[in-house]
Amino acid sequence: MGEEMPWWLNPKLGQLDNGTTLRHVYKSGEYEDDVVTAHIQGERIDVPGDTGPDDSDFTTRTPSGAAREADRRHRGADSRNDPYGYSGWDWWEYQNEDGEWVPISELPEWTRT
């Protein structure tokens, strides 16, 4: 039997291959139509240039943590101050089999076998 999955990993992201590109498109304001990208790595999200949370050995983040970090890197001082103000599951999109970009929250429920 394999190792127990750490609580902070979500098996929904395990449906996406390592290296899968995620994106966020800003929909209004000064940053409208700007796009930020990240990649799936080990059931977490790797934001380019990010070394991960300060209090962790991981260099990747949860969906909400990755959204917060990507937004800070892109918008700087214009990003949200509230660390809990991001719903990464709706912020990030992946490209489905039909080529459509959909929120990662729409990934079906899934567990490892």
PDB file of N, CA and C in Angstrom:
ATOM      1  N   MET A   1       0.847  -1.184   0.000  1.00  0.00           N
ATOM      2  CA  MET A   1       0.000   0.000   0.000  1.00  0.00           C
ATOM      3  C   MET A   1       0.890   1.245   0.000  1.00  0.00           C
ATOM      4  N   GLY A   2       0.504   2.268  -0.746  1.00  0.00           N
ATOM      5  CA  GLY A   2       1.302   3.483  -0.840  1.00  0.00           C
ATOM      6  C   GLY A   2       1.187   4.350   0.392  1.00  0.00           C
ATOM      7  N   GLU A   3       2.004   5.377   0.404  1.00  0.00           N
ATOM      8  CA  GLU A   3       1.992   6.359   1.490  1.00  0.00           C
ATOM      9  C   GLU A   3       0.656   7.077   1.550  1.00  0.00           C
ATOM     10  N   GLU A   4       0.252   7.491   2.741  1.00  0.00           N
ATOM     11  CA  GLU A   4      -0.963   8.282   2.870  1.00  0.00           C
ATOM     12  C   GLU A   4      -0.710   9.667   2.285  1.00  0.00           C
ATOM     13  N   MET A   5      -1.687  10.165   1.539  1.00  0.00           N
ATOM     14  CA  MET A   5      -1.546  11.469   0.908  1.00  0.00           C
ATOM     15  C   MET A   5      -1.590  12.570   1.961  1.00  0.00           C
ATOM     16  N   PRO A   6      -0.627  13.497   1.946  1.00  0.00           N
ATOM     17  CA  PRO A   6      -0.676  14.620   2.893  1.00  0.00           C
ATOM     18  C   PRO A   6      -1.971  15.393   2.742  1.00  0.00           C
ATOM     19  N   TRP A   7      -2.473  15.956   3.830  1.00  0.00           N
ATOM     20  CA  TRP A   7      -3.757  16.645   3.842  1.00  0.00           C
ATOM     21  C   TRP A   7      -3.811  17.840   2.909  1.00  0.00           C
ATOM     22  N   TRP A   8      -2.656  18.468   2.629  1.00  0.00           N
ATOM     23  CA  TRP A   8      -2.679  19.688   1.838  1.00  0.00           C
ATOM     24  C   TRP A   8      -2.731  19.432   0.334  1.00  0.00           C
ATOM     25  N   LEU A   9      -2.601  18.188  -0.087  1.00  0.00           N
ATOM     26  CA  LEU A   9      -2.708  17.886  -1.508  1.00  0.00           C
ATOM     27  C   LEU A   9      -4.141  17.528  -1.841  1.00  0.00           C
ATOM     28  N   ASN A  10      -4.595  17.922  -2.997  1.00  0.00           N
ATOM     29  CA  ASN A  10      -5.946  17.619  -3.409  1.00  0.00           C
ATOM     30  C   ASN A  10      -5.890  16.709  -4.615  1.00  0.00           C
ATOM     31  N   PRO A  11      -6.487  15.540  -4.530  1.00  0.00           N
ATOM     32  CA  PRO A  11      -6.384  14.603  -5.646  1.00  0.00           C
ATOM     33  C   PRO A  11      -7.028  15.106  -6.935  1.00  0.00           C
ATOM     34  N   LYS A  12      -7.892  16.124  -6.864  1.00  0.00           N
ATOM     35  CA  LYS A  12      -8.472  16.642  -8.106  1.00  0.00           C
ATOM     36  C   LYS A  12      -7.372  17.119  -9.055  1.00  0.00           C
ATOM     37  N   LEU A  13      -6.344  17.771  -8.506  1.00  0.00           N
ATOM     38  CA  LEU A  13      -5.259  18.253  -9.365  1.00  0.00           C
ATOM     39  C   LEU A  13      -4.437  17.101  -9.929  1.00  0.00           C
ATOM     40  N   GLY A  14      -4.511  15.922  -9.292  1.00  0.00           N
ATOM     41  CA  GLY A  14      -3.792  14.752  -9.780  1.00  0.00           C
ATOM     42  C   GLY A  14      -4.284  14.249 -11.117  1.00  0.00           C
ATOM     43  N   GLN A  15      -5.427  14.730 -11.559  1.00  0.00           N
ATOM     44  CA  GLN A  15      -5.941  14.359 -12.880  1.00  0.00           C
ATOM     45  C   GLN A  15      -5.173  15.052 -13.992  1.00  0.00           C
ATOM     46  N   LEU A  16      -4.505  16.140 -13.639  1.00  0.00           N
ATOM     47  CA  LEU A  16      -3.747  16.902 -14.632  1.00  0.00           C
ATOM     48  C   LEU A  16      -2.284  16.490 -14.569  1.00  0.00           C
ATOM     49  N   ASP A  17      -1.697  16.264 -15.717  1.00  0.00           N
ATOM     50  CA  ASP A  17      -0.292  15.857 -15.779  1.00  0.00           C
ATOM     51  C   ASP A  17       0.619  16.954 -15.263  1.00  0.00           C
ATOM     52  N   ASN A  18       1.752  16.550 -14.685  1.00  0.00           N
ATOM     53  CA  ASN A  18       2.775  17.526 -14.326  1.00  0.00           C
ATOM     54  C   ASN A  18       3.132  18.331 -15.572  1.00  0.00           C
ATOM     55  N   GLY A  19       3.266  19.617 -15.402  1.00  0.00           N
ATOM     56  CA  GLY A  19       3.591  20.492 -16.523  1.00  0.00           C
ATOM     57  C   GLY A  19       2.369  21.085 -17.209  1.00  0.00           C
ATOM     58  N   THR A  20       1.165  20.607 -16.875  1.00  0.00           N
ATOM     59  CA  THR A  20      -0.040  21.183 -17.471  1.00  0.00           C
ATOM     60  C   THR A  20      -0.101  22.668 -17.156  1.00  0.00           C
ATOM     61  N   THR A  21      -0.359  23.472 -18.171  1.00  0.00           N
ATOM     62  CA  THR A  21      -0.440  24.919 -17.986  1.00  0.00           C
ATOM     63  C   THR A  21      -1.802  25.311 -17.430  1.00  0.00           C
ATOM     64  N   LEU A  22      -1.763  26.148 -16.419  1.00  0.00           N
ATOM     65  CA  LEU A  22      -2.955  26.800 -15.886  1.00  0.00           C
ATOM     66  C   LEU A  22      -2.835  28.273 -16.225  1.00  0.00           C
ATOM     67  N   ARG A  23      -3.964  28.949 -16.302  1.00  0.00           N
ATOM     68  CA  ARG A  23      -3.906  30.386 -16.585  1.00  0.00           C
ATOM     69  C   ARG A  23      -4.985  31.110 -15.798  1.00  0.00           C
ATOM     70  N   HIS A  24      -4.778  32.413 -15.676  1.00  0.00           N
ATOM     71  CA  HIS A  24      -5.801  33.321 -15.167  1.00  0.00           C
ATOM     72  C   HIS A  24      -5.809  34.523 -16.089  1.00  0.00           C
ATOM     73  N   VAL A  25      -6.993  34.900 -16.544  1.00  0.00           N
ATOM     74  CA  VAL A  25      -7.153  36.081 -17.381  1.00  0.00           C
ATOM     75  C   VAL A  25      -7.883  37.133 -16.557  1.00  0.00           C
ATOM     76  N   TYR A  26      -7.255  38.287 -16.386  1.00  0.00           N
ATOM     77  CA  TYR A  26      -7.893  39.386 -15.674  1.00  0.00           C
ATOM     78  C   TYR A  26      -9.041  39.908 -16.532  1.00  0.00           C
ATOM     79  N   LYS A  27     -10.184  40.111 -15.904  1.00  0.00           N
ATOM     80  CA  LYS A  27     -11.392  40.418 -16.658  1.00  0.00           C
ATOM     81  C   LYS A  27     -11.818  41.881 -16.624  1.00  0.00           C
ATOM     82  N   SER A  28     -11.169  42.705 -15.832  1.00  0.00           N
ATOM     83  CA  SER A  28     -11.577  44.113 -15.786  1.00  0.00           C
ATOM     84  C   SER A  28     -10.442  44.979 -15.255  1.00  0.00           C
ATOM     85  N   GLY A  29     -10.670  46.280 -15.351  1.00  0.00           N
ATOM     86  CA  GLY A  29      -9.724  47.238 -14.788  1.00  0.00           C
ATOM     87  C   GLY A  29      -8.456  47.397 -15.592  1.00  0.00           C
ATOM     88  N   GLU A  30      -7.473  47.967 -14.934  1.00  0.00           N
ATOM     89  CA  GLU A  30      -6.178  48.268 -15.550  1.00  0.00           C
ATOM     90  C   GLU A  30      -5.496  47.039 -16.143  1.00  0.00           C
ATOM     91  N   TYR A  31      -5.760  45.874 -15.569  1.00  0.00           N
ATOM     92  CA  TYR A  31      -5.084  44.650 -15.988  1.00  0.00           C
ATOM     93  C   TYR A  31      -5.950  43.786 -16.907  1.00  0.00           C
ATOM     94  N   GLU A  32      -7.077  44.315 -17.380  1.00  0.00           N
ATOM     95  CA  GLU A  32      -7.993  43.551 -18.224  1.00  0.00           C
ATOM     96  C   GLU A  32      -7.259  42.896 -19.390  1.00  0.00           C
ATOM     97  N   ASP A  33      -7.545  41.627 -19.598  1.00  0.00           N
ATOM     98  CA  ASP A  33      -6.973  40.783 -20.651  1.00  0.00           C
ATOM     99  C   ASP A  33      -5.529  40.353 -20.393  1.00  0.00           C
ATOM    100  N   ASP A  34      -4.917  40.806 -19.306  1.00  0.00           N
ATOM    101  CA  ASP A  34      -3.595  40.282 -18.945  1.00  0.00           C
ATOM    102  C   ASP A  34      -3.756  38.813 -18.549  1.00  0.00           C
ATOM    103  N   VAL A  35      -2.748  38.019 -18.854  1.00  0.00           N
ATOM    104  CA  VAL A  35      -2.786  36.589 -18.549  1.00  0.00           C
ATOM    105  C   VAL A  35      -1.568  36.219 -17.709  1.00  0.00           C
ATOM    106  N   VAL A  36      -1.798  35.486 -16.639  1.00  0.00           N
ATOM    107  CA  VAL A  36      -0.704  34.896 -15.874  1.00  0.00           C
ATOM    108  C   VAL A  36      -0.835  33.387 -15.983  1.00  0.00           C
ATOM    109  N   THR A  37       0.300  32.703 -15.964  1.00  0.00           N
ATOM    110  CA  THR A  37       0.285  31.252 -16.096  1.00  0.00           C
ATOM    111  C   THR A  37       1.059  30.602 -14.954  1.00  0.00           C
ATOM    112  N   ALA A  38       0.766  29.345 -14.763  1.00  0.00           N
ATOM    113  CA  ALA A  38       1.464  28.504 -13.792  1.00  0.00           C
ATOM    114  C   ALA A  38       1.353  27.073 -14.314  1.00  0.00           C
ATOM    115  N   HIS A  39       1.965  26.143 -13.596  1.00  0.00           N
ATOM    116  CA  HIS A  39       1.962  24.757 -14.057  1.00  0.00           C
ATOM    117  C   HIS A  39       1.689  23.802 -12.899  1.00  0.00           C
ATOM    118  N   ILE A  40       1.074  22.691 -13.233  1.00  0.00           N
ATOM    119  CA  ILE A  40       0.849  21.634 -12.248  1.00  0.00           C
ATOM    120  C   ILE A  40       2.177  20.936 -11.974  1.00  0.00           C
ATOM    121  N   GLN A  41       2.447  20.714 -10.706  1.00  0.00           N
ATOM    122  CA  GLN A  41       3.634  19.961 -10.303  1.00  0.00           C
ATOM    123  C   GLN A  41       3.299  19.194  -9.029  1.00  0.00           C
ATOM    124  N   GLY A  42       3.189  17.890  -9.138  1.00  0.00           N
ATOM    125  CA  GLY A  42       2.964  17.061  -7.956  1.00  0.00           C
ATOM    126  C   GLY A  42       1.685  17.395  -7.212  1.00  0.00           C
ATOM    127  N   GLU A  43       0.592  17.590  -7.933  1.00  0.00           N
ATOM    128  CA  GLU A  43      -0.716  17.887  -7.355  1.00  0.00           C
ATOM    129  C   GLU A  43      -0.776  19.233  -6.631  1.00  0.00           C
ATOM    130  N   ARG A  44       0.177  20.080  -6.947  1.00  0.00           N
ATOM    131  CA  ARG A  44       0.172  21.458  -6.462  1.00  0.00           C
ATOM    132  C   ARG A  44       0.480  22.335  -7.668  1.00  0.00           C
ATOM    133  N   ILE A  45       0.598  23.635  -7.434  1.00  0.00           N
ATOM    134  CA  ILE A  45       0.787  24.572  -8.543  1.00  0.00           C
ATOM    135  C   ILE A  45       2.115  25.303  -8.394  1.00  0.00           C
ATOM    136  N   ASP A  46       2.863  25.310  -9.482  1.00  0.00           N
ATOM    137  CA  ASP A  46       4.164  25.970  -9.541  1.00  0.00           C
ATOM    138  C   ASP A  46       4.007  27.300 -10.266  1.00  0.00           C
ATOM    139  N   VAL A  47       4.236  28.384  -9.535  1.00  0.00           N
ATOM    140  CA  VAL A  47       4.169  29.736 -10.103  1.00  0.00           C
ATOM    141  C   VAL A  47       5.585  30.127 -10.525  1.00  0.00           C
ATOM    142  N   PRO A  48       5.797  30.468 -11.799  1.00  0.00           N
ATOM    143  CA  PRO A  48       7.145  30.824 -12.251  1.00  0.00           C
ATOM    144  C   PRO A  48       7.782  31.905 -11.368  1.00  0.00           C
ATOM    145  N   GLY A  49       9.018  31.655 -10.949  1.00  0.00           N
ATOM    146  CA  GLY A  49       9.767  32.603 -10.136  1.00  0.00           C
ATOM    147  C   GLY A  49       9.512  32.514  -8.649  1.00  0.00           C
ATOM    148  N   ASP A  50       8.537  31.699  -8.242  1.00  0.00           N
ATOM    149  CA  ASP A  50       8.188  31.563  -6.829  1.00  0.00           C
ATOM    150  C   ASP A  50       8.987  30.418  -6.214  1.00  0.00           C
ATOM    151  N   THR A  51       9.484  30.626  -5.005  1.00  0.00           N
ATOM    152  CA  THR A  51      10.226  29.565  -4.313  1.00  0.00           C
ATOM    153  C   THR A  51       9.368  28.845  -3.294  1.00  0.00           C
ATOM    154  N   GLY A  52       8.085  29.172  -3.255  1.00  0.00           N
ATOM    155  CA  GLY A  52       7.170  28.495  -2.349  1.00  0.00           C
ATOM    156  C   GLY A  52       6.993  29.237  -1.038  1.00  0.00           C
ATOM    157  N   PRO A  53       6.094  28.699  -0.205  1.00  0.00           N
ATOM    158  CA  PRO A  53       5.831  29.341   1.087  1.00  0.00           C
ATOM    159  C   PRO A  53       7.079  29.384   1.965  1.00  0.00           C
ATOM    160  N   ASP A  54       7.224  30.467   2.732  1.00  0.00           N
ATOM    161  CA  ASP A  54       8.401  30.641   3.591  1.00  0.00           C
ATOM    162  C   ASP A  54       8.534  29.553   4.640  1.00  0.00           C
ATOM    163  N   ASP A  55       7.418  29.053   5.132  1.00  0.00           N
ATOM    164  CA  ASP A  55       7.448  28.089   6.230  1.00  0.00           C
ATOM    165  C   ASP A  55       7.353  26.645   5.748  1.00  0.00           C
ATOM    166  N   SER A  56       7.761  26.387   4.498  1.00  0.00           N
ATOM    167  CA  SER A  56       7.588  25.057   3.927  1.00  0.00           C
ATOM    168  C   SER A  56       8.812  24.657   3.108  1.00  0.00           C
ATOM    169  N   ASP A  57       9.021  23.366   2.995  1.00  0.00           N
ATOM    170  CA  ASP A  57      10.066  22.851   2.121  1.00  0.00           C
ATOM    171  C   ASP A  57       9.582  22.748   0.675  1.00  0.00           C
ATOM    172  N   PHE A  58       8.280  22.930   0.465  1.00  0.00           N
ATOM    173  CA  PHE A  58       7.714  22.828  -0.879  1.00  0.00           C
ATOM    174  C   PHE A  58       7.974  24.095  -1.672  1.00  0.00           C
ATOM    175  N   THR A  59       8.176  23.933  -2.982  1.00  0.00           N
ATOM    176  CA  THR A  59       8.348  25.081  -3.870  1.00  0.00           C
ATOM    177  C   THR A  59       7.084  25.320  -4.680  1.00  0.00           C
ATOM    178  N   THR A  60       6.014  24.610  -4.339  1.00  0.00           N
ATOM    179  CA  THR A  60       4.744  24.744  -5.025  1.00  0.00           C
ATOM    180  C   THR A  60       3.684  25.179  -4.021  1.00  0.00           C
ATOM    181  N   ARG A  61       2.503  25.508  -4.512  1.00  0.00           N
ATOM    182  CA  ARG A  61       1.450  26.024  -3.639  1.00  0.00           C
ATOM    183  C   ARG A  61       0.106  25.371  -3.929  1.00  0.00           C
ATOM    184  N   THR A  62      -0.815  25.575  -3.003  1.00  0.00           N
ATOM    185  CA  THR A  62      -2.207  25.184  -3.197  1.00  0.00           C
ATOM    186  C   THR A  62      -2.815  26.116  -4.243  1.00  0.00           C
ATOM    187  N   PRO A  63      -3.989  25.793  -4.786  1.00  0.00           N
ATOM    188  CA  PRO A  63      -4.591  26.698  -5.779  1.00  0.00           C
ATOM    189  C   PRO A  63      -4.762  28.133  -5.269  1.00  0.00           C
ATOM    190  N   SER A  64      -5.259  28.300  -4.060  1.00  0.00           N
ATOM    191  CA  SER A  64      -5.464  29.668  -3.553  1.00  0.00           C
ATOM    192  C   SER A  64      -4.137  30.357  -3.249  1.00  0.00           C
ATOM    193  N   GLY A  65      -3.192  29.629  -2.687  1.00  0.00           N
ATOM    194  CA  GLY A  65      -1.870  30.200  -2.428  1.00  0.00           C
ATOM    195  C   GLY A  65      -1.173  30.589  -3.718  1.00  0.00           C
ATOM    196  N   ALA A  66      -1.318  29.768  -4.755  1.00  0.00           N
ATOM    197  CA  ALA A  66      -0.707  30.080  -6.048  1.00  0.00           C
ATOM    198  C   ALA A  66      -1.381  31.288  -6.688  1.00  0.00           C
ATOM    199  N   ALA A  67      -2.705  31.408  -6.541  1.00  0.00           N
ATOM    200  CA  ALA A  67      -3.410  32.576  -7.078  1.00  0.00           C
ATOM    201  C   ALA A  67      -2.915  33.848  -6.405  1.00  0.00           C
ATOM    202  N   ARG A  68      -2.801  33.805  -5.082  1.00  0.00           N
ATOM    203  CA  ARG A  68      -2.329  34.971  -4.324  1.00  0.00           C
ATOM    204  C   ARG A  68      -0.914  35.356  -4.780  1.00  0.00           C
ATOM    205  N   GLU A  69      -0.023  34.374  -4.890  1.00  0.00           N
ATOM    206  CA  GLU A  69       1.356  34.655  -5.269  1.00  0.00           C
ATOM    207  C   GLU A  69       1.460  35.154  -6.708  1.00  0.00           C
ATOM    208  N   ALA A  70       0.734  34.540  -7.626  1.00  0.00           N
ATOM    209  CA  ALA A  70       0.770  34.980  -9.029  1.00  0.00           C
ATOM    210  C   ALA A  70       0.229  36.401  -9.163  1.00  0.00           C
ATOM    211  N   ASP A  71      -0.847  36.712  -8.416  1.00  0.00           N
ATOM    212  CA  ASP A  71      -1.418  38.054  -8.462  1.00  0.00           C
ATOM    213  C   ASP A  71      -0.432  39.080  -7.894  1.00  0.00           C
ATOM    214  N   ARG A  72       0.227  38.741  -6.806  1.00  0.00           N
ATOM    215  CA  ARG A  72       1.232  39.653  -6.226  1.00  0.00           C
ATOM    216  C   ARG A  72       2.378  39.897  -7.197  1.00  0.00           C
ATOM    217  N   ARG A  73       2.818  38.836  -7.858  1.00  0.00           N
ATOM    218  CA  ARG A  73       3.928  38.974  -8.801  1.00  0.00           C
ATOM    219  C   ARG A  73       3.519  39.816 -10.005  1.00  0.00           C
ATOM    220  N   HIS A  74       2.264  39.697 -10.430  1.00  0.00           N
ATOM    221  CA  HIS A  74       1.814  40.424 -11.625  1.00  0.00           C
ATOM    222  C   HIS A  74       1.395  41.861 -11.303  1.00  0.00           C
ATOM    223  N   ARG A  75       0.603  42.054 -10.264  1.00  0.00           N
ATOM    224  CA  ARG A  75       0.046  43.379  -9.974  1.00  0.00           C
ATOM    225  C   ARG A  75       0.769  44.122  -8.867  1.00  0.00           C
ATOM    226  N   GLY A  76       1.702  43.488  -8.194  1.00  0.00           N
ATOM    227  CA  GLY A  76       2.458  44.165  -7.146  1.00  0.00           C
ATOM    228  C   GLY A  76       1.567  44.757  -6.078  1.00  0.00           C
ATOM    229  N   ALA A  77       1.742  46.045  -5.823  1.00  0.00           N
ATOM    230  CA  ALA A  77       0.995  46.724  -4.758  1.00  0.00           C
ATOM    231  C   ALA A  77      -0.506  46.784  -5.029  1.00  0.00           C
ATOM    232  N   ASP A  78      -0.919  46.551  -6.273  1.00  0.00           N
ATOM    233  CA  ASP A  78      -2.348  46.567  -6.602  1.00  0.00           C
ATOM    234  C   ASP A  78      -3.046  45.260  -6.213  1.00  0.00           C
ATOM    235  N   SER A  79      -2.289  44.244  -5.841  1.00  0.00           N
ATOM    236  CA  SER A  79      -2.914  42.960  -5.507  1.00  0.00           C
ATOM    237  C   SER A  79      -3.680  43.066  -4.190  1.00  0.00           C
ATOM    238  N   ARG A  80      -4.526  42.104  -3.933  1.00  0.00           N
ATOM    239  CA  ARG A  80      -5.352  42.109  -2.719  1.00  0.00           C
ATOM    240  C   ARG A  80      -4.488  41.969  -1.474  1.00  0.00           C
ATOM    241  N   ASN A  81      -4.864  42.666  -0.424  1.00  0.00           N
ATOM    242  CA  ASN A  81      -4.157  42.551   0.855  1.00  0.00           C
ATOM    243  C   ASN A  81      -4.609  41.352   1.667  1.00  0.00           C
ATOM    244  N   ASP A  82      -5.834  40.913   1.450  1.00  0.00           N
ATOM    245  CA  ASP A  82      -6.417  39.828   2.230  1.00  0.00           C
ATOM    246  C   ASP A  82      -5.857  38.486   1.771  1.00  0.00           C
ATOM    247  N   PRO A  83      -5.089  37.793   2.627  1.00  0.00           N
ATOM    248  CA  PRO A  83      -4.516  36.511   2.208  1.00  0.00           C
ATOM    249  C   PRO A  83      -5.575  35.454   1.941  1.00  0.00           C
ATOM    250  N   TYR A  84      -6.788  35.670   2.428  1.00  0.00           N
ATOM    251  CA  TYR A  84      -7.868  34.710   2.207  1.00  0.00           C
ATOM    252  C   TYR A  84      -8.833  35.192   1.131  1.00  0.00           C
ATOM    253  N   GLY A  85      -8.454  36.192   0.375  1.00  0.00           N
ATOM    254  CA  GLY A  85      -9.322  36.796  -0.627  1.00  0.00           C
ATOM    255  C   GLY A  85      -9.288  36.120  -1.982  1.00  0.00           C
ATOM    256  N   TYR A  86      -8.655  34.966  -2.077  1.00  0.00           N
ATOM    257  CA  TYR A  86      -8.530  34.279  -3.354  1.00  0.00           C
ATOM    258  C   TYR A  86      -9.193  32.914  -3.284  1.00  0.00           C
ATOM    259  N   SER A  87      -9.993  32.610  -4.277  1.00  0.00           N
ATOM    260  CA  SER A  87     -10.522  31.259  -4.446  1.00  0.00           C
ATOM    261  C   SER A  87      -9.798  30.662  -5.639  1.00  0.00           C
ATOM    262  N   GLY A  88      -8.677  30.040  -5.368  1.00  0.00           N
ATOM    263  CA  GLY A  88      -7.836  29.516  -6.438  1.00  0.00           C
ATOM    264  C   GLY A  88      -8.530  28.517  -7.339  1.00  0.00           C
ATOM    265  N   TRP A  89      -9.497  27.803  -6.795  1.00  0.00           N
ATOM    266  CA  TRP A  89     -10.221  26.802  -7.593  1.00  0.00           C
ATOM    267  C   TRP A  89     -11.022  27.462  -8.707  1.00  0.00           C
ATOM    268  N   ASP A  90     -11.451  28.700  -8.513  1.00  0.00           N
ATOM    269  CA  ASP A  90     -12.178  29.415  -9.557  1.00  0.00           C
ATOM    270  C   ASP A  90     -11.271  30.391 -10.312  1.00  0.00           C
ATOM    271  N   TRP A  91     -10.163  30.775  -9.712  1.00  0.00           N
ATOM    272  CA  TRP A  91      -9.233  31.738 -10.310  1.00  0.00           C
ATOM    273  C   TRP A  91      -8.467  31.102 -11.467  1.00  0.00           C
ATOM    274  N   TRP A  92      -7.963  29.891 -11.250  1.00  0.00           N
ATOM    275  CA  TRP A  92      -7.160  29.195 -12.260  1.00  0.00           C
ATOM    276  C   TRP A  92      -8.044  28.433 -13.235  1.00  0.00           C
ATOM    277  N   GLU A  93      -7.622  28.399 -14.506  1.00  0.00           N
ATOM    278  CA  GLU A  93      -8.298  27.624 -15.536  1.00  0.00           C
ATOM    279  C   GLU A  93      -7.303  26.648 -16.163  1.00  0.00           C
ATOM    280  N   TYR A  94      -7.842  25.537 -16.647  1.00  0.00           N
ATOM    281  CA  TYR A  94      -7.048  24.586 -17.426  1.00  0.00           C
ATOM    282  C   TYR A  94      -7.769  24.370 -18.748  1.00  0.00           C
ATOM    283  N   GLN A  95      -7.048  23.859 -19.737  1.00  0.00           N
ATOM    284  CA  GLN A  95      -7.651  23.617 -21.039  1.00  0.00           C
ATOM    285  C   GLN A  95      -8.145  22.179 -21.085  1.00  0.00           C
ATOM    286  N   ASN A  96      -9.453  22.008 -21.282  1.00  0.00           N
ATOM    287  CA  ASN A  96     -10.023  20.661 -21.288  1.00  0.00           C
ATOM    288  C   ASN A  96      -9.796  19.977 -22.638  1.00  0.00           C
ATOM    289  N   GLU A  97     -10.308  18.768 -22.770  1.00  0.00           N
ATOM    290  CA  GLU A  97     -10.095  17.984 -23.991  1.00  0.00           C
ATOM    291  C   GLU A  97     -10.687  18.644 -25.231  1.00  0.00           C
ATOM    292  N   ASP A  98     -11.672  19.512 -25.044  1.00  0.00           N
ATOM    293  CA  ASP A  98     -12.289  20.224 -26.169  1.00  0.00           C
ATOM    294  C   ASP A  98     -11.562  21.524 -26.502  1.00  0.00           C
ATOM    295  N   GLY A  99     -10.472  21.806 -25.783  1.00  0.00           N
ATOM    296  CA  GLY A  99      -9.703  23.022 -26.024  1.00  0.00           C
ATOM    297  C   GLY A  99     -10.265  24.247 -25.338  1.00  0.00           C
ATOM    298  N   GLU A 100     -11.283  24.069 -24.496  1.00  0.00           N
ATOM    299  CA  GLU A 100     -11.881  25.187 -23.773  1.00  0.00           C
ATOM    300  C   GLU A 100     -11.153  25.394 -22.451  1.00  0.00           C
ATOM    301  N   TRP A 101     -11.031  26.647 -22.055  1.00  0.00           N
ATOM    302  CA  TRP A 101     -10.440  26.971 -20.752  1.00  0.00           C
ATOM    303  C   TRP A 101     -11.561  26.993 -19.724  1.00  0.00           C
ATOM    304  N   VAL A 102     -11.446  26.160 -18.706  1.00  0.00           N
ATOM    305  CA  VAL A 102     -12.473  26.066 -17.666  1.00  0.00           C
ATOM    306  C   VAL A 102     -11.808  26.105 -16.295  1.00  0.00           C
ATOM    307  N   PRO A 103     -12.517  26.602 -15.280  1.00  0.00           N
ATOM    308  CA  PRO A 103     -11.941  26.656 -13.925  1.00  0.00           C
ATOM    309  C   PRO A 103     -11.559  25.257 -13.432  1.00  0.00           C
ATOM    310  N   ILE A 104     -10.476  25.177 -12.675  1.00  0.00           N
ATOM    311  CA  ILE A 104     -10.072  23.876 -12.137  1.00  0.00           C
ATOM    312  C   ILE A 104     -11.119  23.331 -11.169  1.00  0.00           C
ATOM    313  N   SER A 105     -12.014  24.189 -10.684  1.00  0.00           N
ATOM    314  CA  SER A 105     -13.092  23.716  -9.816  1.00  0.00           C
ATOM    315  C   SER A 105     -14.020  22.763 -10.560  1.00  0.00           C
ATOM    316  N   GLU A 106     -14.003  22.802 -11.885  1.00  0.00           N
ATOM    317  CA  GLU A 106     -14.859  21.933 -12.684  1.00  0.00           C
ATOM    318  C   GLU A 106     -14.241  20.566 -12.954  1.00  0.00           C
ATOM    319  N   LEU A 107     -13.019  20.330 -12.464  1.00  0.00           N
ATOM    320  CA  LEU A 107     -12.465  18.981 -12.570  1.00  0.00           C
ATOM    321  C   LEU A 107     -13.397  18.042 -11.810  1.00  0.00           C
ATOM    322  N   PRO A 108     -13.661  16.860 -12.345  1.00  0.00           N
ATOM    323  CA  PRO A 108     -14.552  15.949 -11.621  1.00  0.00           C
ATOM    324  C   PRO A 108     -13.904  15.455 -10.321  1.00  0.00           C
ATOM    325  N   GLU A 109     -14.740  15.042  -9.398  1.00  0.00           N
ATOM    326  CA  GLU A 109     -14.214  14.438  -8.168  1.00  0.00           C
ATOM    327  C   GLU A 109     -13.384  13.234  -8.567  1.00  0.00           C
ATOM    328  N   TRP A 110     -12.313  13.009  -7.859  1.00  0.00           N
ATOM    329  CA  TRP A 110     -11.399  11.936  -8.248  1.00  0.00           C
ATOM    330  C   TRP A 110     -10.584  11.533  -7.033  1.00  0.00           C
ATOM    331  N   THR A 111     -10.282  10.274  -6.946  1.00  0.00           N
ATOM    332  CA  THR A 111      -9.378   9.782  -5.899  1.00  0.00           C
ATOM    333  C   THR A 111      -8.398   8.809  -6.525  1.00  0.00           C
ATOM    334  N   ARG A 112      -7.259   8.670  -5.911  1.00  0.00           N
ATOM    335  CA  ARG A 112      -6.263   7.712  -6.390  1.00  0.00           C
ATOM    336  C   ARG A 112      -6.736   6.289  -6.117  1.00  0.00           C
ATOM    337  N   THR A 113      -6.325   5.379  -6.963  1.00  0.00           N
ATOM    338  CA  THR A 113      -6.654   3.972  -6.720  1.00  0.00           C
ATOM    339  C   THR A 113      -5.457   3.237  -6.200  1.00  0.00           C
TER     340      THR A 113
END
